[in-house]
Amino acid sequence: MAVNTNSMFDNTVFTFTIICIITAIVIILVVWAVNKSNKAKAASKNVVWPPKDYMQDIGSKCPDYWTYIGVDGSGNTVCENKFNIPVRNDKCMDTSIPGYEGKNVMSFNKIPKWPIKKGDRAGQVGKGDVKGNLNFPCNWIKSCAPTSNTPSASWLGMNDIC
């Protein structure tokens, strides 16, 4: 019985070609995945947290888990402790703000520019009374933690500035 060497040669070449094509596809996919992963890692290093627009519109107004409910007569933002998060002392809430009497509220100065540059805390916020700079919110953060074992109240973005 004669063996057809052309047929065997054709099968070997065909199998080798298929293996080469599959190997090339696998190599291309691995290179693509590694490249995509490296780009994602590089992009994640540039992420600013919290984002500037969040801090400008929401985060700079109230401490974490407090709710923005309006503005007082002086133009300061009024925040309410709707979830009754414990605070260390009575000075951490002001239940006598006109229009908000009897509520667990506190007023904080409006921060017109974000981000606040380091070394220019007072200049970024404004000048004037005690609430005219960041001394008030920073002191509030330090003295109004939920318990005496907690070093400070939680206020995303503001904690870093203070």
C-alpha atoms as a PDB file:
ATOM      1  CA  MET A   1       0.000   0.000   0.000  1.00  0.00           C
ATOM      2  CA  ALA A   2       1.395   3.280  -1.059  1.00  0.00           C
ATOM      3  CA  VAL A   3       1.239   6.283   1.197  1.00  0.00           C
ATOM      4  CA  ASN A   4       0.253   9.515  -0.442  1.00  0.00           C
ATOM      5  CA  THR A   5       3.024  11.863   0.668  1.00  0.00           C
ATOM      6  CA  ASN A   6       1.349  14.888  -0.925  1.00  0.00           C
ATOM      7  CA  SER A   7      -1.761  14.418   1.219  1.00  0.00           C
ATOM      8  CA  MET A   8       0.304  13.968   4.373  1.00  0.00           C
ATOM      9  CA  PHE A   9       2.393  17.021   3.467  1.00  0.00           C
ATOM     10  CA  ASP A  10      -0.768  19.065   2.858  1.00  0.00           C
ATOM     11  CA  ASN A  11      -2.223  18.040   6.261  1.00  0.00           C
ATOM     12  CA  THR A  12       1.032  18.925   8.037  1.00  0.00           C
ATOM     13  CA  VAL A  13       1.254  22.337   6.348  1.00  0.00           C
ATOM     14  CA  PHE A  14      -2.411  23.020   7.049  1.00  0.00           C
ATOM     15  CA  THR A  15      -2.050  22.082  10.741  1.00  0.00           C
ATOM     16  CA  PHE A  16       1.123  24.175  11.064  1.00  0.00           C
ATOM     17  CA  THR A  17      -0.609  27.164   9.419  1.00  0.00           C
ATOM     18  CA  ILE A  18      -3.604  26.917  11.746  1.00  0.00           C
ATOM     19  CA  ILE A  19      -1.319  26.719  14.807  1.00  0.00           C
ATOM     20  CA  CYS A  20       0.638  29.777  13.600  1.00  0.00           C
ATOM     21  CA  ILE A  21      -2.564  31.772  13.033  1.00  0.00           C
ATOM     22  CA  ILE A  22      -3.962  30.866  16.463  1.00  0.00           C
ATOM     23  CA  THR A  23      -0.623  31.716  18.099  1.00  0.00           C
ATOM     24  CA  ALA A  24      -0.527  35.085  16.324  1.00  0.00           C
ATOM     25  CA  ILE A  25      -4.082  35.880  17.450  1.00  0.00           C
ATOM     26  CA  VAL A  26      -3.253  34.935  21.057  1.00  0.00           C
ATOM     27  CA  ILE A  27      -0.090  37.106  20.999  1.00  0.00           C
ATOM     28  CA  ILE A  28      -2.024  40.059  19.563  1.00  0.00           C
ATOM     29  CA  LEU A  29      -4.740  39.693  22.248  1.00  0.00           C
ATOM     30  CA  VAL A  30      -2.166  39.474  25.056  1.00  0.00           C
ATOM     31  CA  VAL A  31      -0.317  42.575  23.792  1.00  0.00           C
ATOM     32  CA  TRP A  32      -3.634  44.448  23.469  1.00  0.00           C
ATOM     33  CA  ALA A  33      -4.727  43.462  27.015  1.00  0.00           C
ATOM     34  CA  VAL A  34      -1.394  44.470  28.557  1.00  0.00           C
ATOM     35  CA  ASN A  35      -1.475  47.801  26.719  1.00  0.00           C
ATOM     36  CA  LYS A  36      -5.050  48.476  27.836  1.00  0.00           C
ATOM     37  CA  SER A  37      -4.176  47.595  31.434  1.00  0.00           C
ATOM     38  CA  ASN A  38      -1.177  49.939  31.412  1.00  0.00           C
ATOM     39  CA  LYS A  39      -3.300  52.790  30.038  1.00  0.00           C
ATOM     40  CA  ALA A  40      -5.952  52.204  32.727  1.00  0.00           C
ATOM     41  CA  LYS A  41      -3.304  52.235  35.476  1.00  0.00           C
ATOM     42  CA  ALA A  42      -1.815  55.469  34.128  1.00  0.00           C
ATOM     43  CA  ALA A  43      -5.260  57.087  33.934  1.00  0.00           C
ATOM     44  CA  SER A  44      -6.159  56.040  37.494  1.00  0.00           C
ATOM     45  CA  LYS A  45      -3.055  57.758  38.863  1.00  0.00           C
ATOM     46  CA  ASN A  46      -4.417  61.104  37.653  1.00  0.00           C
ATOM     47  CA  VAL A  47      -7.810  60.816  39.369  1.00  0.00           C
ATOM     48  CA  VAL A  48      -8.479  63.607  41.870  1.00  0.00           C
ATOM     49  CA  TRP A  49     -10.688  62.627  44.782  1.00  0.00           C
ATOM     50  CA  PRO A  50     -13.029  64.185  45.572  1.00  0.00           C
ATOM     51  CA  PRO A  51     -13.585  65.732  42.135  1.00  0.00           C
ATOM     52  CA  LYS A  52     -13.458  69.532  41.935  1.00  0.00           C
ATOM     53  CA  ASP A  53     -17.007  69.856  40.590  1.00  0.00           C
ATOM     54  CA  TYR A  54     -18.374  67.710  43.425  1.00  0.00           C
ATOM     55  CA  MET A  55     -16.638  69.873  46.016  1.00  0.00           C
ATOM     56  CA  GLN A  56     -17.752  73.109  44.343  1.00  0.00           C
ATOM     57  CA  ASP A  57     -21.408  72.093  44.074  1.00  0.00           C
ATOM     58  CA  ILE A  58     -22.007  69.713  46.983  1.00  0.00           C
ATOM     59  CA  GLY A  59     -19.089  68.696  49.172  1.00  0.00           C
ATOM     60  CA  SER A  60     -17.942  72.114  50.345  1.00  0.00           C
ATOM     61  CA  LYS A  61     -21.408  72.961  51.673  1.00  0.00           C
ATOM     62  CA  CYS A  62     -22.021  70.367  54.376  1.00  0.00           C
ATOM     63  CA  PRO A  63     -20.244  67.685  56.395  1.00  0.00           C
ATOM     64  CA  ASP A  64     -20.674  64.089  55.306  1.00  0.00           C
ATOM     65  CA  TYR A  65     -24.200  62.739  55.877  1.00  0.00           C
ATOM     66  CA  TRP A  66     -25.573  66.207  56.630  1.00  0.00           C
ATOM     67  CA  THR A  67     -28.125  67.634  54.188  1.00  0.00           C
ATOM     68  CA  TYR A  68     -27.969  71.045  52.554  1.00  0.00           C
ATOM     69  CA  ILE A  69     -31.315  72.745  53.231  1.00  0.00           C
ATOM     70  CA  GLY A  70     -30.771  76.385  52.302  1.00  0.00           C
ATOM     71  CA  VAL A  71     -29.105  79.669  53.116  1.00  0.00           C
ATOM     72  CA  ASP A  72     -29.394  81.782  56.265  1.00  0.00           C
ATOM     73  CA  GLY A  73     -29.824  85.571  56.387  1.00  0.00           C
ATOM     74  CA  SER A  74     -26.056  86.114  56.154  1.00  0.00           C
ATOM     75  CA  GLY A  75     -25.677  84.030  52.998  1.00  0.00           C
ATOM     76  CA  ASN A  76     -24.129  81.074  54.813  1.00  0.00           C
ATOM     77  CA  THR A  77     -25.192  77.561  53.846  1.00  0.00           C
ATOM     78  CA  VAL A  78     -27.424  75.775  56.315  1.00  0.00           C
ATOM     79  CA  CYS A  79     -26.984  72.050  56.773  1.00  0.00           C
ATOM     80  CA  GLU A  80     -29.240  69.699  58.704  1.00  0.00           C
ATOM     81  CA  ASN A  81     -28.262  66.592  60.624  1.00  0.00           C
ATOM     82  CA  LYS A  82     -31.264  64.612  59.325  1.00  0.00           C
ATOM     83  CA  PHE A  83     -29.745  61.270  60.241  1.00  0.00           C
ATOM     84  CA  ASN A  84     -29.114  62.373  63.857  1.00  0.00           C
ATOM     85  CA  ILE A  85     -25.425  61.610  63.680  1.00  0.00           C
ATOM     86  CA  PRO A  86     -24.070  62.155  67.188  1.00  0.00           C
ATOM     87  CA  VAL A  87     -21.874  65.186  67.761  1.00  0.00           C
ATOM     88  CA  ARG A  88     -19.565  65.697  70.688  1.00  0.00           C
ATOM     89  CA  ASN A  89     -21.154  68.850  72.140  1.00  0.00           C
ATOM     90  CA  ASP A  90     -24.092  71.264  71.834  1.00  0.00           C
ATOM     91  CA  LYS A  91     -21.981  73.898  70.054  1.00  0.00           C
ATOM     92  CA  CYS A  92     -21.868  71.634  67.016  1.00  0.00           C
ATOM     93  CA  MET A  93     -25.490  72.416  66.181  1.00  0.00           C
ATOM     94  CA  ASP A  94     -27.371  75.707  66.239  1.00  0.00           C
ATOM     95  CA  THR A  95     -31.097  75.266  66.801  1.00  0.00           C
ATOM     96  CA  SER A  96     -31.716  79.025  66.837  1.00  0.00           C
ATOM     97  CA  ILE A  97     -30.989  79.986  63.211  1.00  0.00           C
ATOM     98  CA  PRO A  98     -33.939  82.120  62.020  1.00  0.00           C
ATOM     99  CA  GLY A  99     -36.226  80.018  59.845  1.00  0.00           C
ATOM    100  CA  TYR A 100     -34.686  76.770  61.090  1.00  0.00           C
ATOM    101  CA  GLU A 101     -35.523  76.959  64.796  1.00  0.00           C
ATOM    102  CA  GLY A 102     -35.733  73.658  66.599  1.00  0.00           C
ATOM    103  CA  LYS A 103     -33.954  71.694  63.873  1.00  0.00           C
ATOM    104  CA  ASN A 104     -30.565  70.008  64.173  1.00  0.00           C
ATOM    105  CA  VAL A 105     -28.824  72.494  61.879  1.00  0.00           C
ATOM    106  CA  MET A 106     -25.575  74.390  61.537  1.00  0.00           C
ATOM    107  CA  SER A 107     -24.582  77.189  59.188  1.00  0.00           C
ATOM    108  CA  PHE A 108     -21.251  77.203  57.395  1.00  0.00           C
ATOM    109  CA  ASN A 109     -19.686  79.881  55.241  1.00  0.00           C
ATOM    110  CA  LYS A 110     -20.043  79.504  51.489  1.00  0.00           C
ATOM    111  CA  ILE A 111     -16.811  78.573  49.764  1.00  0.00           C
ATOM    112  CA  PRO A 112     -16.850  80.356  46.394  1.00  0.00           C
ATOM    113  CA  LYS A 113     -13.739  78.783  44.851  1.00  0.00           C
ATOM    114  CA  TRP A 114     -12.587  75.216  44.814  1.00  0.00           C
ATOM    115  CA  PRO A 115      -9.976  73.822  45.172  1.00  0.00           C
ATOM    116  CA  ILE A 116      -8.649  75.859  48.044  1.00  0.00           C
ATOM    117  CA  LYS A 117      -4.966  76.454  47.536  1.00  0.00           C
ATOM    118  CA  LYS A 118      -2.724  75.441  50.390  1.00  0.00           C
ATOM    119  CA  GLY A 119      -1.452  78.480  52.236  1.00  0.00           C
ATOM    120  CA  ASP A 120      -4.365  80.632  51.028  1.00  0.00           C
ATOM    121  CA  ARG A 121      -7.207  79.273  53.143  1.00  0.00           C
ATOM    122  CA  ALA A 122      -8.540  82.644  54.279  1.00  0.00           C
ATOM    123  CA  GLY A 123      -8.062  84.336  50.900  1.00  0.00           C
ATOM    124  CA  GLN A 124     -10.003  81.673  49.045  1.00  0.00           C
ATOM    125  CA  VAL A 125     -13.038  81.932  51.262  1.00  0.00           C
ATOM    126  CA  GLY A 126     -13.212  85.575  52.227  1.00  0.00           C
ATOM    127  CA  LYS A 127     -12.466  87.884  55.078  1.00  0.00           C
ATOM    128  CA  GLY A 128     -14.527  89.227  57.928  1.00  0.00           C
ATOM    129  CA  ASP A 129     -16.093  87.525  60.888  1.00  0.00           C
ATOM    130  CA  VAL A 130     -15.144  84.149  62.311  1.00  0.00           C
ATOM    131  CA  LYS A 131     -17.180  82.353  59.659  1.00  0.00           C
ATOM    132  CA  GLY A 132     -15.454  84.362  56.905  1.00  0.00           C
ATOM    133  CA  ASN A 133     -12.585  81.901  56.603  1.00  0.00           C
ATOM    134  CA  LEU A 134     -11.877  78.231  57.033  1.00  0.00           C
ATOM    135  CA  ASN A 135     -11.145  78.512  60.732  1.00  0.00           C
ATOM    136  CA  PHE A 136     -14.800  77.886  61.536  1.00  0.00           C
ATOM    137  CA  PRO A 137     -15.362  74.715  59.467  1.00  0.00           C
ATOM    138  CA  CYS A 138     -11.916  73.391  60.426  1.00  0.00           C
ATOM    139  CA  ASN A 139     -12.589  73.963  64.120  1.00  0.00           C
ATOM    140  CA  TRP A 140     -16.021  72.386  63.666  1.00  0.00           C
ATOM    141  CA  ILE A 141     -14.427  69.301  62.095  1.00  0.00           C
ATOM    142  CA  LYS A 142     -11.930  69.000  64.963  1.00  0.00           C
ATOM    143  CA  SER A 143     -14.390  69.549  67.796  1.00  0.00           C
ATOM    144  CA  CYS A 144     -17.578  67.916  66.512  1.00  0.00           C
ATOM    145  CA  ALA A 145     -16.625  64.301  65.975  1.00  0.00           C
ATOM    146  CA  PRO A 146     -19.288  61.726  66.858  1.00  0.00           C
ATOM    147  CA  THR A 147     -17.425  60.484  69.952  1.00  0.00           C
ATOM    148  CA  SER A 148     -14.456  61.485  72.048  1.00  0.00           C
ATOM    149  CA  ASN A 149     -12.565  58.490  70.592  1.00  0.00           C
ATOM    150  CA  THR A 150     -12.987  59.816  67.039  1.00  0.00           C
ATOM    151  CA  PRO A 151     -10.376  62.449  66.172  1.00  0.00           C
ATOM    152  CA  SER A 152     -12.546  64.497  63.812  1.00  0.00           C
ATOM    153  CA  ALA A 153     -15.886  64.750  62.084  1.00  0.00           C
ATOM    154  CA  SER A 154     -16.085  63.417  58.532  1.00  0.00           C
ATOM    155  CA  TRP A 155     -16.187  66.017  55.769  1.00  0.00           C
ATOM    156  CA  LEU A 156     -14.821  64.672  52.510  1.00  0.00           C
ATOM    157  CA  GLY A 157     -12.377  67.094  50.935  1.00  0.00           C
ATOM    158  CA  MET A 158     -12.474  69.571  53.806  1.00  0.00           C
ATOM    159  CA  ASN A 159     -10.624  67.240  56.195  1.00  0.00           C
ATOM    160  CA  ASP A 160      -7.622  67.370  53.869  1.00  0.00           C
ATOM    161  CA  ILE A 161      -7.598  71.175  53.734  1.00  0.00           C
ATOM    162  CA  CYS A 162      -7.835  71.519  57.510  1.00  0.00           C
END
